[in-house]
């Protein structure tokens, strides 16, 4: 499952539909992937760094779009 920048942002906000979608993908054995540049977009002064680390530990970053 490839997430655009909105997906991880919604995961950071604990958006229930997105959390459920990602959980379902993982239960089906799918990898959850984000573009490496998305990580840069997610980091700003108001980002909960601990929560971001938790989310990123469960996804694969791809350097190709």
Protein backbone atom coordinates (compact mmCIF):
# COMPACT_ATOMS: atom_id res chain seq x y z
CA UNK A 1 0.00 0.00 0.00
CA UNK A 2 1.51 3.31 -1.07
CA UNK A 3 0.55 6.32 1.04
CA UNK A 4 0.85 9.87 -0.22
CA UNK A 5 1.72 12.65 2.24
CA UNK A 6 -1.87 12.85 3.48
CA UNK A 7 -1.83 9.24 4.72
CA UNK A 8 1.02 9.62 7.23
CA UNK A 9 -0.37 13.01 8.28
CA UNK A 10 -3.67 11.37 9.10
CA UNK A 11 -1.85 8.57 10.93
CA UNK A 12 -0.12 11.23 13.04
CA UNK A 13 -3.57 12.60 13.89
CA UNK A 14 -4.89 9.08 14.67
CA UNK A 15 -7.54 9.43 11.95
CA UNK A 16 -9.63 6.29 12.56
CA UNK A 17 -10.45 5.42 8.91
CA UNK A 18 -6.80 5.69 7.85
CA UNK A 19 -5.56 3.79 10.91
CA UNK A 20 -8.09 1.04 10.13
CA UNK A 21 -7.11 0.96 6.45
CA UNK A 22 -3.41 0.59 7.27
CA UNK A 23 -4.17 -2.07 9.91
CA UNK A 24 -6.21 -4.02 7.35
CA UNK A 25 -3.40 -3.78 4.79
CA UNK A 26 -0.89 -5.08 7.33
CA UNK A 27 -3.20 -7.92 8.38
CA UNK A 28 -3.31 -8.98 4.71
CA UNK A 29 0.49 -9.04 4.60
CA UNK A 30 0.85 -5.88 2.56
CA UNK A 31 3.80 -3.55 3.03
CA UNK A 32 2.92 0.06 3.79
CA UNK A 33 5.19 2.36 1.78
CA UNK A 34 5.71 6.13 1.68
CA UNK A 35 8.00 8.25 -0.46
CA UNK A 36 11.16 9.24 1.40
CA UNK A 37 10.43 12.90 0.62
CA UNK A 38 7.16 12.58 2.51
CA UNK A 39 9.16 12.26 5.72
CA UNK A 40 10.63 15.71 5.09
CA UNK A 41 7.13 17.11 4.55
CA UNK A 42 5.96 15.61 7.85
CA UNK A 43 8.67 17.10 10.05
CA UNK A 44 7.90 20.58 11.34
CA UNK A 45 7.87 22.37 14.66
CA UNK A 46 4.49 21.03 15.75
CA UNK A 47 5.12 17.39 14.81
CA UNK A 48 5.01 14.93 17.69
CA UNK A 49 8.43 13.39 17.05
CA UNK A 50 7.75 10.29 19.18
CA UNK A 51 4.51 9.60 17.30
CA UNK A 52 6.26 10.19 13.95
CA UNK A 53 8.99 7.71 14.88
CA UNK A 54 6.33 5.17 15.83
CA UNK A 55 4.57 5.57 12.48
CA UNK A 56 7.78 5.46 10.47
CA UNK A 57 8.89 2.27 12.19
CA UNK A 58 5.92 0.54 10.59
CA UNK A 59 6.38 1.77 7.02
CA UNK A 60 8.95 1.40 4.31
CA UNK A 61 10.37 4.52 2.69
CA UNK A 62 10.94 4.43 -1.05
CA UNK A 63 13.31 6.81 -2.79
CA UNK A 64 11.46 6.43 -6.09
CA UNK A 65 8.06 7.93 -6.78
